[in-house]
C-alpha atoms as a PDB file:
ATOM      1  CA  MET A   1    -234.307 -82.357   0.655  1.00  0.00           C
ATOM      2  CA  ALA A   2    -237.556 -80.804  -0.510  1.00  0.00           C
ATOM      3  CA  HIS A   3    -238.164 -77.052  -0.461  1.00  0.00           C
ATOM      4  CA  ILE A   4    -241.772 -75.855  -0.242  1.00  0.00           C
ATOM      5  CA  VAL A   5    -242.843 -72.252  -0.772  1.00  0.00           C
ATOM      6  CA  GLN A   6    -246.221 -71.353   0.705  1.00  0.00           C
ATOM      7  CA  VAL A   7    -248.254 -68.179   0.500  1.00  0.00           C
ATOM      8  CA  GLY A   8    -250.605 -67.729   3.449  1.00  0.00           C
ATOM      9  CA  ALA A   9    -250.156 -68.596   7.121  1.00  0.00           C
ATOM     10  CA  GLY A  10    -253.679 -67.976   8.350  1.00  0.00           C
ATOM     11  CA  SER A  11    -255.858 -70.454  10.228  1.00  0.00           C
ATOM     12  CA  GLY A  12    -255.906 -72.930   7.327  1.00  0.00           C
ATOM     13  CA  GLY A  13    -252.420 -72.206   6.083  1.00  0.00           C
ATOM     14  CA  MET A  14    -250.925 -72.944   9.509  1.00  0.00           C
ATOM     15  CA  VAL A  15    -252.564 -76.386   9.563  1.00  0.00           C
ATOM     16  CA  VAL A  16    -250.995 -77.152   6.190  1.00  0.00           C
ATOM     17  CA  LEU A  17    -247.596 -75.818   7.268  1.00  0.00           C
ATOM     18  CA  ASP A  18    -247.666 -77.800  10.500  1.00  0.00           C
ATOM     19  CA  LEU A  19    -248.486 -81.070   8.723  1.00  0.00           C
ATOM     20  CA  LEU A  20    -245.952 -80.554   5.946  1.00  0.00           C
ATOM     21  CA  ALA A  21    -243.187 -79.616   8.369  1.00  0.00           C
ATOM     22  CA  ARG A  22    -243.602 -82.876  10.296  1.00  0.00           C
ATOM     23  CA  GLU A  23    -242.495 -84.871   7.235  1.00  0.00           C
ATOM     24  CA  SER A  24    -238.753 -85.563   7.306  1.00  0.00           C
ATOM     25  CA  ARG A  25    -238.373 -85.197   3.532  1.00  0.00           C
ATOM     26  CA  VAL A  26    -239.337 -81.537   3.843  1.00  0.00           C
ATOM     27  CA  LYS A  27    -236.103 -79.728   4.686  1.00  0.00           C
ATOM     28  CA  GLN A  28    -236.873 -76.126   3.774  1.00  0.00           C
ATOM     29  CA  ILE A  29    -240.008 -73.966   3.854  1.00  0.00           C
ATOM     30  CA  THR A  30    -240.430 -70.386   2.690  1.00  0.00           C
ATOM     31  CA  ILE A  31    -243.486 -68.570   4.068  1.00  0.00           C
ATOM     32  CA  ILE A  32    -244.981 -65.546   2.313  1.00  0.00           C
ATOM     33  CA  GLU A  33    -247.346 -63.749   4.692  1.00  0.00           C
ATOM     34  CA  PRO A  34    -247.645 -59.987   5.347  1.00  0.00           C
ATOM     35  CA  ASP A  35    -250.346 -59.984   8.029  1.00  0.00           C
ATOM     36  CA  ILE A  36    -250.069 -59.171  11.711  1.00  0.00           C
ATOM     37  CA  TYR A  37    -251.691 -61.529  14.221  1.00  0.00           C
ATOM     38  CA  LYS A  38    -254.800 -60.029  15.816  1.00  0.00           C
ATOM     39  CA  PRO A  39    -256.689 -61.011  19.006  1.00  0.00           C
ATOM     40  CA  HIS A  40    -259.739 -62.302  17.122  1.00  0.00           C
ATOM     41  CA  ASN A  41    -257.495 -64.716  15.164  1.00  0.00           C
ATOM     42  CA  ALA A  42    -256.852 -66.790  18.273  1.00  0.00           C
ATOM     43  CA  ILE A  43    -260.087 -68.811  18.203  1.00  0.00           C
ATOM     44  CA  ARG A  44    -259.097 -70.397  14.857  1.00  0.00           C
ATOM     45  CA  HIS A  45    -255.328 -70.384  15.200  1.00  0.00           C
ATOM     46  CA  TYR A  46    -252.524 -72.186  17.003  1.00  0.00           C
ATOM     47  CA  PHE A  47    -251.190 -69.018  18.601  1.00  0.00           C
ATOM     48  CA  PRO A  48    -252.416 -67.477  21.882  1.00  0.00           C
ATOM     49  CA  PRO A  49    -254.122 -64.059  22.222  1.00  0.00           C
ATOM     50  CA  GLY A  50    -250.952 -62.755  23.832  1.00  0.00           C
ATOM     51  CA  ALA A  51    -249.159 -63.086  20.489  1.00  0.00           C
ATOM     52  CA  ALA A  52    -251.309 -60.330  18.996  1.00  0.00           C
ATOM     53  CA  GLY A  53    -249.275 -57.647  17.264  1.00  0.00           C
ATOM     54  CA  LEU A  54    -246.572 -59.984  15.991  1.00  0.00           C
ATOM     55  CA  PRO A  55    -246.133 -60.970  12.317  1.00  0.00           C
ATOM     56  CA  LYS A  56    -247.935 -64.204  11.449  1.00  0.00           C
ATOM     57  CA  SER A  57    -244.941 -65.392   9.455  1.00  0.00           C
ATOM     58  CA  GLU A  58    -242.608 -65.110  12.461  1.00  0.00           C
ATOM     59  CA  LEU A  59    -245.112 -66.875  14.711  1.00  0.00           C
ATOM     60  CA  ALA A  60    -245.386 -69.616  12.095  1.00  0.00           C
ATOM     61  CA  ARG A  61    -241.604 -69.932  11.921  1.00  0.00           C
ATOM     62  CA  ASN A  62    -241.287 -70.305  15.693  1.00  0.00           C
ATOM     63  CA  TRP A  63    -244.070 -72.892  15.742  1.00  0.00           C
ATOM     64  CA  LEU A  64    -242.447 -74.994  13.023  1.00  0.00           C
ATOM     65  CA  LEU A  65    -238.992 -74.843  14.565  1.00  0.00           C
ATOM     66  CA  ALA A  66    -240.406 -75.971  17.906  1.00  0.00           C
ATOM     67  CA  GLN A  67    -241.513 -79.168  16.172  1.00  0.00           C
ATOM     68  CA  ARG A  68    -238.553 -79.468  13.777  1.00  0.00           C
ATOM     69  CA  PRO A  69    -235.421 -77.681  15.005  1.00  0.00           C
ATOM     70  CA  ASP A  70    -233.554 -78.973  11.943  1.00  0.00           C
ATOM     71  CA  LEU A  71    -235.992 -77.340   9.526  1.00  0.00           C
ATOM     72  CA  GLU A  72    -234.833 -74.355   7.478  1.00  0.00           C
ATOM     73  CA  VAL A  73    -237.600 -71.735   7.548  1.00  0.00           C
ATOM     74  CA  HIS A  74    -237.509 -68.431   5.672  1.00  0.00           C
ATOM     75  CA  CYS A  75    -240.081 -65.663   6.139  1.00  0.00           C
ATOM     76  CA  LEU A  76    -241.074 -63.100   3.559  1.00  0.00           C
ATOM     77  CA  ASN A  77    -243.213 -60.536   5.383  1.00  0.00           C
ATOM     78  CA  VAL A  78    -244.476 -59.087   2.131  1.00  0.00           C
ATOM     79  CA  ASP A  79    -247.706 -58.798   0.193  1.00  0.00           C
ATOM     80  CA  LEU A  80    -247.756 -61.297  -2.662  1.00  0.00           C
ATOM     81  CA  LEU A  81    -249.066 -58.590  -4.997  1.00  0.00           C
ATOM     82  CA  SER A  82    -246.488 -55.953  -4.054  1.00  0.00           C
ATOM     83  CA  SER A  83    -244.429 -55.004  -7.105  1.00  0.00           C
ATOM     84  CA  SER A  84    -241.375 -54.196  -4.973  1.00  0.00           C
ATOM     85  CA  ALA A  85    -241.470 -57.673  -3.399  1.00  0.00           C
ATOM     86  CA  GLN A  86    -241.520 -59.608  -6.673  1.00  0.00           C
ATOM     87  CA  PRO A  87    -237.733 -60.190  -6.902  1.00  0.00           C
ATOM     88  CA  GLN A  88    -237.746 -61.823  -3.442  1.00  0.00           C
ATOM     89  CA  ILE A  89    -240.855 -63.839  -4.178  1.00  0.00           C
ATOM     90  CA  GLU A  90    -239.691 -64.989  -7.589  1.00  0.00           C
ATOM     91  CA  SER A  91    -236.323 -66.058  -6.179  1.00  0.00           C
ATOM     92  CA  ALA A  92    -238.082 -68.221  -3.594  1.00  0.00           C
ATOM     93  CA  VAL A  93    -240.419 -69.724  -6.193  1.00  0.00           C
ATOM     94  CA  ALA A  94    -237.580 -70.438  -8.624  1.00  0.00           C
ATOM     95  CA  ASN A  95    -235.682 -72.399  -5.962  1.00  0.00           C
ATOM     96  CA  ALA A  96    -238.642 -74.349  -4.580  1.00  0.00           C
ATOM     97  CA  ASP A  97    -239.743 -77.852  -5.481  1.00  0.00           C
ATOM     98  CA  LEU A  98    -243.446 -77.271  -4.922  1.00  0.00           C
ATOM     99  CA  GLY A  99    -245.811 -74.379  -4.270  1.00  0.00           C
ATOM    100  CA  VAL A 100    -248.702 -74.187  -1.803  1.00  0.00           C
ATOM    101  CA  CYS A 101    -251.431 -71.555  -1.799  1.00  0.00           C
ATOM    102  CA  ALA A 102    -253.510 -70.966   1.336  1.00  0.00           C
ATOM    103  CA  VAL A 103    -255.089 -67.569   0.726  1.00  0.00           C
ATOM    104  CA  ASP A 104    -258.722 -66.599   0.045  1.00  0.00           C
ATOM    105  CA  ASN A 105    -257.959 -63.515  -2.058  1.00  0.00           C
ATOM    106  CA  GLU A 106    -258.843 -64.080  -5.712  1.00  0.00           C
ATOM    107  CA  PRO A 107    -256.285 -61.699  -7.283  1.00  0.00           C
ATOM    108  CA  ALA A 108    -253.594 -63.356  -5.137  1.00  0.00           C
ATOM    109  CA  LYS A 109    -254.598 -66.818  -6.389  1.00  0.00           C
ATOM    110  CA  TYR A 110    -254.343 -65.721 -10.007  1.00  0.00           C
ATOM    111  CA  HIS A 111    -250.997 -64.038  -9.359  1.00  0.00           C
ATOM    112  CA  TRP A 112    -249.672 -67.147  -7.619  1.00  0.00           C
ATOM    113  CA  ASP A 113    -250.841 -69.288 -10.519  1.00  0.00           C
ATOM    114  CA  ALA A 114    -248.977 -67.028 -12.956  1.00  0.00           C
ATOM    115  CA  LEU A 115    -245.790 -67.352 -10.902  1.00  0.00           C
ATOM    116  CA  MET A 116    -246.092 -71.129 -10.754  1.00  0.00           C
ATOM    117  CA  ARG A 117    -246.609 -71.345 -14.503  1.00  0.00           C
ATOM    118  CA  LYS A 118    -243.719 -68.963 -15.184  1.00  0.00           C
ATOM    119  CA  TYR A 119    -241.300 -71.179 -13.252  1.00  0.00           C
ATOM    120  CA  ARG A 120    -243.058 -74.433 -14.217  1.00  0.00           C
ATOM    121  CA  LYS A 121    -243.742 -75.539 -10.646  1.00  0.00           C
ATOM    122  CA  ALA A 122    -246.523 -77.828  -9.505  1.00  0.00           C
ATOM    123  CA  TRP A 123    -248.700 -76.389  -6.766  1.00  0.00           C
ATOM    124  CA  THR A 124    -251.750 -77.065  -4.649  1.00  0.00           C
ATOM    125  CA  LEU A 125    -254.581 -74.897  -3.377  1.00  0.00           C
ATOM    126  CA  GLY A 126    -257.070 -75.389  -0.560  1.00  0.00           C
ATOM    127  CA  GLU A 127    -260.294 -73.397  -0.301  1.00  0.00           C
ATOM    128  CA  VAL A 128    -262.816 -73.435   2.549  1.00  0.00           C
ATOM    129  CA  LEU A 129    -266.327 -72.459   1.516  1.00  0.00           C
ATOM    130  CA  SER A 130    -268.197 -69.770   3.432  1.00  0.00           C
ATOM    131  CA  GLY A 131    -269.598 -71.042   6.717  1.00  0.00           C
ATOM    132  CA  GLY A 132    -267.392 -74.139   6.601  1.00  0.00           C
ATOM    133  CA  ILE A 133    -269.980 -76.142   4.637  1.00  0.00           C
ATOM    134  CA  GLY A 134    -267.189 -77.772   2.635  1.00  0.00           C
ATOM    135  CA  GLY A 135    -264.154 -76.961   0.582  1.00  0.00           C
ATOM    136  CA  PHE A 136    -261.943 -77.662  -2.400  1.00  0.00           C
ATOM    137  CA  VAL A 137    -258.458 -79.050  -2.901  1.00  0.00           C
ATOM    138  CA  HIS A 138    -256.912 -78.369  -6.311  1.00  0.00           C
ATOM    139  CA  VAL A 139    -253.785 -79.787  -7.962  1.00  0.00           C
ATOM    140  CA  PHE A 140    -251.971 -77.831 -10.671  1.00  0.00           C
ATOM    141  CA  ARG A 141    -249.101 -79.030 -12.861  1.00  0.00           C
ATOM    142  CA  PRO A 142    -247.009 -77.297 -15.531  1.00  0.00           C
ATOM    143  CA  GLY A 143    -248.765 -77.540 -18.866  1.00  0.00           C
ATOM    144  CA  GLY A 144    -252.108 -78.389 -17.282  1.00  0.00           C
ATOM    145  CA  PRO A 145    -255.162 -76.244 -16.576  1.00  0.00           C
ATOM    146  CA  CYS A 146    -254.489 -73.009 -14.731  1.00  0.00           C
ATOM    147  CA  TYR A 147    -256.492 -71.555 -11.870  1.00  0.00           C
ATOM    148  CA  GLY A 148    -258.524 -69.577 -14.382  1.00  0.00           C
ATOM    149  CA  CYS A 149    -259.532 -72.790 -16.195  1.00  0.00           C
ATOM    150  CA  VAL A 150    -260.549 -74.418 -12.921  1.00  0.00           C
ATOM    151  CA  ALA A 151    -262.425 -71.402 -11.563  1.00  0.00           C
ATOM    152  CA  SER A 152    -264.312 -70.998 -14.825  1.00  0.00           C
ATOM    153  CA  PHE A 153    -265.247 -74.694 -14.966  1.00  0.00           C
ATOM    154  CA  LEU A 154    -266.427 -74.833 -11.367  1.00  0.00           C
ATOM    155  CA  LYS A 155    -268.391 -71.596 -11.691  1.00  0.00           C
ATOM    156  CA  ARG A 156    -270.326 -73.120 -14.606  1.00  0.00           C
ATOM    157  CA  SER A 157    -270.633 -76.667 -13.298  1.00  0.00           C
ATOM    158  CA  VAL A 158    -270.868 -76.622  -9.490  1.00  0.00           C
ATOM    159  CA  GLU A 159    -273.404 -74.754  -7.379  1.00  0.00           C
ATOM    160  CA  VAL A 160    -271.838 -73.764  -4.075  1.00  0.00           C
ATOM    161  CA  ASP A 161    -272.101 -70.816  -1.726  1.00  0.00           C
ATOM    162  CA  ASN A 162    -269.807 -68.198  -3.259  1.00  0.00           C
ATOM    163  CA  SER A 163    -270.567 -65.458  -0.764  1.00  0.00           C
ATOM    164  CA  PRO A 164    -267.747 -63.003  -0.007  1.00  0.00           C
ATOM    165  CA  PRO A 165    -265.414 -64.077   2.818  1.00  0.00           C
ATOM    166  CA  PRO A 166    -266.663 -63.001   6.256  1.00  0.00           C
ATOM    167  CA  ASP A 167    -265.291 -59.844   7.821  1.00  0.00           C
ATOM    168  CA  TYR A 168    -263.105 -61.231  10.612  1.00  0.00           C
ATOM    169  CA  SER A 169    -262.233 -57.702  11.763  1.00  0.00           C
ATOM    170  CA  GLN A 170    -265.656 -57.408  13.403  1.00  0.00           C
ATOM    171  CA  PRO A 171    -266.206 -60.825  15.025  1.00  0.00           C
ATOM    172  CA  GLY A 172    -268.788 -59.455  17.436  1.00  0.00           C
ATOM    173  CA  GLY A 173    -270.875 -57.712  14.821  1.00  0.00           C
ATOM    174  CA  ALA A 174    -274.012 -58.920  13.111  1.00  0.00           C
ATOM    175  CA  VAL A 175    -273.293 -61.208  10.149  1.00  0.00           C
ATOM    176  CA  HIS A 176    -275.506 -62.604   7.435  1.00  0.00           C
ATOM    177  CA  GLU A 177    -276.073 -66.337   7.694  1.00  0.00           C
ATOM    178  CA  VAL A 178    -274.042 -67.184   4.604  1.00  0.00           C
ATOM    179  CA  THR A 179    -271.009 -65.223   5.831  1.00  0.00           C
ATOM    180  CA  ILE A 180    -270.694 -66.935   9.196  1.00  0.00           C
ATOM    181  CA  PRO A 181    -266.991 -67.750   9.634  1.00  0.00           C
ATOM    182  CA  ALA A 182    -265.997 -71.382   9.233  1.00  0.00           C
ATOM    183  CA  SER A 183    -265.275 -73.289  12.419  1.00  0.00           C
ATOM    184  CA  LYS A 184    -261.761 -74.391  13.287  1.00  0.00           C
ATOM    185  CA  ALA A 185    -262.891 -78.000  12.734  1.00  0.00           C
ATOM    186  CA  SER A 186    -264.054 -77.242   9.168  1.00  0.00           C
ATOM    187  CA  ILE A 187    -260.890 -75.322   8.374  1.00  0.00           C
ATOM    188  CA  THR A 188    -258.706 -78.110   9.756  1.00  0.00           C
ATOM    189  CA  ALA A 189    -260.598 -80.790   7.822  1.00  0.00           C
ATOM    190  CA  ILE A 190    -260.059 -79.107   4.453  1.00  0.00           C
ATOM    191  CA  ALA A 191    -256.484 -78.103   5.302  1.00  0.00           C
ATOM    192  CA  SER A 192    -255.666 -81.705   6.233  1.00  0.00           C
ATOM    193  CA  TRP A 193    -256.869 -82.935   2.837  1.00  0.00           C
ATOM    194  CA  HIS A 194    -254.802 -80.152   1.292  1.00  0.00           C
ATOM    195  CA  ALA A 195    -251.685 -81.296   3.152  1.00  0.00           C
ATOM    196  CA  LEU A 196    -252.239 -84.963   2.249  1.00  0.00           C
ATOM    197  CA  VAL A 197    -252.485 -84.220  -1.458  1.00  0.00           C
ATOM    198  CA  THR A 198    -249.453 -81.921  -1.282  1.00  0.00           C
ATOM    199  CA  LEU A 199    -247.314 -84.579   0.400  1.00  0.00           C
ATOM    200  CA  GLU A 200    -248.292 -87.189  -2.189  1.00  0.00           C
ATOM    201  CA  LEU A 201    -247.379 -84.803  -4.992  1.00  0.00           C
ATOM    202  CA  LEU A 202    -244.105 -83.955  -3.281  1.00  0.00           C
ATOM    203  CA  GLU A 203    -243.159 -87.628  -3.010  1.00  0.00           C
ATOM    204  CA  ASN A 204    -244.121 -88.418  -6.593  1.00  0.00           C
ATOM    205  CA  PRO A 205    -244.322 -85.583  -9.164  1.00  0.00           C
ATOM    206  CA  ASP A 206    -246.306 -87.945 -11.435  1.00  0.00           C
ATOM    207  CA  TYR A 207    -248.846 -88.661  -8.696  1.00  0.00           C
ATOM    208  CA  ASP A 208    -252.373 -88.778 -10.101  1.00  0.00           C
ATOM    209  CA  PRO A 209    -255.001 -88.321  -7.380  1.00  0.00           C
ATOM    210  CA  GLY A 210    -257.785 -88.902  -9.895  1.00  0.00           C
ATOM    211  CA  PHE A 211    -258.871 -85.277  -9.984  1.00  0.00           C
ATOM    212  CA  THR A 212    -257.849 -81.732 -10.746  1.00  0.00           C
ATOM    213  CA  SER A 213    -260.288 -80.439  -8.144  1.00  0.00           C
ATOM    214  CA  LEU A 214    -261.720 -82.309  -5.183  1.00  0.00           C
ATOM    215  CA  LEU A 215    -264.899 -80.996  -3.563  1.00  0.00           C
ATOM    216  CA  ILE A 216    -265.412 -82.149   0.022  1.00  0.00           C
ATOM    217  CA  THR A 217    -268.832 -81.534   1.547  1.00  0.00           C
ATOM    218  CA  LEU A 218    -268.832 -81.180   5.324  1.00  0.00           C
ATOM    219  CA  ARG A 219    -272.466 -80.277   5.950  1.00  0.00           C
ATOM    220  CA  LYS A 220    -275.795 -80.967   4.307  1.00  0.00           C
ATOM    221  CA  VAL A 221    -277.128 -77.652   3.040  1.00  0.00           C
ATOM    222  CA  PRO A 222    -280.513 -77.424   1.292  1.00  0.00           C
ATOM    223  CA  GLN A 223    -280.195 -76.510  -2.392  1.00  0.00           C
ATOM    224  CA  VAL A 224    -276.397 -76.664  -2.136  1.00  0.00           C
ATOM    225  CA  PHE A 225    -275.209 -80.060  -0.850  1.00  0.00           C
ATOM    226  CA  ASP A 226    -277.560 -83.051  -0.689  1.00  0.00           C
ATOM    227  CA  GLU A 227    -275.236 -85.002   1.605  1.00  0.00           C
ATOM    228  CA  ALA A 228    -272.610 -84.268   4.216  1.00  0.00           C
ATOM    229  CA  LEU A 229    -269.128 -85.826   4.118  1.00  0.00           C
ATOM    230  CA  LYS A 230    -269.185 -86.648   0.420  1.00  0.00           C
ATOM    231  CA  LEU A 231    -266.393 -86.338  -2.160  1.00  0.00           C
ATOM    232  CA  TYR A 232    -266.779 -85.099  -5.727  1.00  0.00           C
ATOM    233  CA  ARG A 233    -263.840 -85.432  -8.143  1.00  0.00           C
ATOM    234  CA  PHE A 234    -263.469 -83.201 -11.179  1.00  0.00           C
ATOM    235  CA  ARG A 235    -260.960 -83.719 -13.977  1.00  0.00           C
ATOM    236  CA  ILE A 236    -260.580 -80.372 -15.681  1.00  0.00           C
ATOM    237  CA  GLU A 237    -258.807 -79.811 -18.980  1.00  0.00           C
ATOM    238  CA  GLN A 238    -256.948 -76.707 -20.069  1.00  0.00           C
ATOM    239  CA  MET A 239    -259.335 -74.376 -21.881  1.00  0.00           C
ATOM    240  CA  ARG A 240    -258.226 -73.057 -25.256  1.00  0.00           C
ATOM    241  CA  GLU A 241    -260.276 -69.919 -24.638  1.00  0.00           C
ATOM    242  CA  CYS A 242    -258.893 -69.334 -21.111  1.00  0.00           C
ATOM    243  CA  LEU A 243    -258.079 -65.655 -20.523  1.00  0.00           C
ATOM    244  CA  PHE A 244    -254.951 -66.599 -18.574  1.00  0.00           C
ATOM    245  CA  CYS A 245    -253.307 -69.640 -20.173  1.00  0.00           C
ATOM    246  CA  GLY A 246    -255.275 -70.278 -23.384  1.00  0.00           C
ATOM    247  CA  GLU A 247    -254.533 -69.311 -26.952  1.00  0.00           C
ATOM    248  CA  ALA A 248    -255.866 -65.791 -26.357  1.00  0.00           C
ATOM    249  CA  ALA A 249    -253.763 -65.233 -23.226  1.00  0.00           C
ATOM    250  CA  PRO A 250    -251.370 -62.277 -23.547  1.00  0.00           C
ATOM    251  CA  THR A 251    -247.604 -62.619 -23.572  1.00  0.00           C
ATOM    252  CA  GLY A 252    -245.059 -59.919 -22.897  1.00  0.00           C
ATOM    253  CA  ALA A 253    -243.466 -57.944 -20.126  1.00  0.00           C
ATOM    254  CA  ALA A 254    -244.442 -58.398 -16.488  1.00  0.00           C
ATOM    255  CA  GLU A 255    -246.125 -54.988 -16.453  1.00  0.00           C
ATOM    256  CA  ASP A 256    -248.236 -55.915 -19.477  1.00  0.00           C
ATOM    257  CA  LEU A 257    -249.228 -59.206 -17.849  1.00  0.00           C
ATOM    258  CA  ASP A 258    -250.316 -57.373 -14.685  1.00  0.00           C
ATOM    259  CA  VAL A 259    -252.576 -55.115 -16.748  1.00  0.00           C
ATOM    260  CA  ALA A 260    -253.953 -58.085 -18.666  1.00  0.00           C
ATOM    261  CA  LEU A 261    -254.615 -59.928 -15.391  1.00  0.00           C
ATOM    262  CA  ALA A 262    -256.582 -56.995 -13.998  1.00  0.00           C
ATOM    263  CA  GLN A 263    -258.600 -56.730 -17.203  1.00  0.00           C
ATOM    264  CA  ALA A 264    -259.317 -60.455 -17.285  1.00  0.00           C
ATOM    265  CA  LEU A 265    -260.454 -60.482 -13.652  1.00  0.00           C
ATOM    266  CA  ASP A 266    -262.748 -57.544 -14.389  1.00  0.00           C
ATOM    267  CA  ARG A 267    -264.291 -59.398 -17.348  1.00  0.00           C
ATOM    268  CA  LEU A 268    -264.817 -62.496 -15.208  1.00  0.00           C
ATOM    269  CA  ALA A 269    -266.479 -60.428 -12.482  1.00  0.00           C
ATOM    270  CA  HIS A 270    -268.993 -59.079 -14.980  1.00  0.00           C
ATOM    271  CA  ALA A 271    -269.551 -62.335 -16.852  1.00  0.00           C
END
C-alpha cells in the first residue's frame, strides 16, 4: 500500500510515473506539477499535440488511471515554491512513503530536499544532462547527505556539461550546441534508471545500491566523457560545512529558512 509523492510530470517525470504506477505495490501517487501542456512538448511526451492547453498533472492522472484503474492519484496543480501551496504540499509529503523529484529547477530541488529532510522521508532524483549526453540518479535518506552536499561534491569532483537548460519555448529558434534539448531516448534511459532505483528503495528502505549518486554516460563527448554507456558510482558523505544540512545550517521558522536558502544558493552561484 505504498504512497509516492512526485514533483514534476514533464517528459522525464512522466516516464518515472508510468513505470512506478505499473507496480502493484504502489497504491497511491500524488503529483505536484503546475505547468500547462504546450504543443512543443509533444515530441518528448506521451500526450498528443491536441492535449495542448490542459494541465500536465491532469493529463498524467488520466494516463496512469488508463493503465491502473485501481490506482489512487491526487493532483496538486501548484508551484512547489509557492508559499500559499505549502500546507497542501507538506500534507502530501507527510503522508507519503517515498518522494520522487523530476524537475530541473535548482531552487525547487533544494526546496524539495528541505521538505524531505523535515519529514524524514527518503527520496530519489533523476537529472538529464544538457544535450542528453548522460545523466544522474541520486538516492537520499534521512540523516544522510542532502542535495547541497551532493551538488557541492559533484561540482568539485566531476566535469560534466553544466550549461543552462535549453529554452523549450522556442524549439524552432537557433540554439547553441551545448543547449540542444535531450532526445526522448536519452530522457527515457535516465528516467528508467531513476524508476528502477526508486522501486528498489520502495521495496526495501535499507536498500543499498552502492552509491549516493550514479552517473550514466550515454554518449562519448570529447573532454567530458571518454566512453559512452558507462556507469560511475559515487558514495558521498554528509558535509559538516554544508550550508543546508551541516553544522552551520540555520534552524528556525520556515520564513527564516527560506531566506537562508536564498542566501546559500546565492553564495553557491558565486563560489
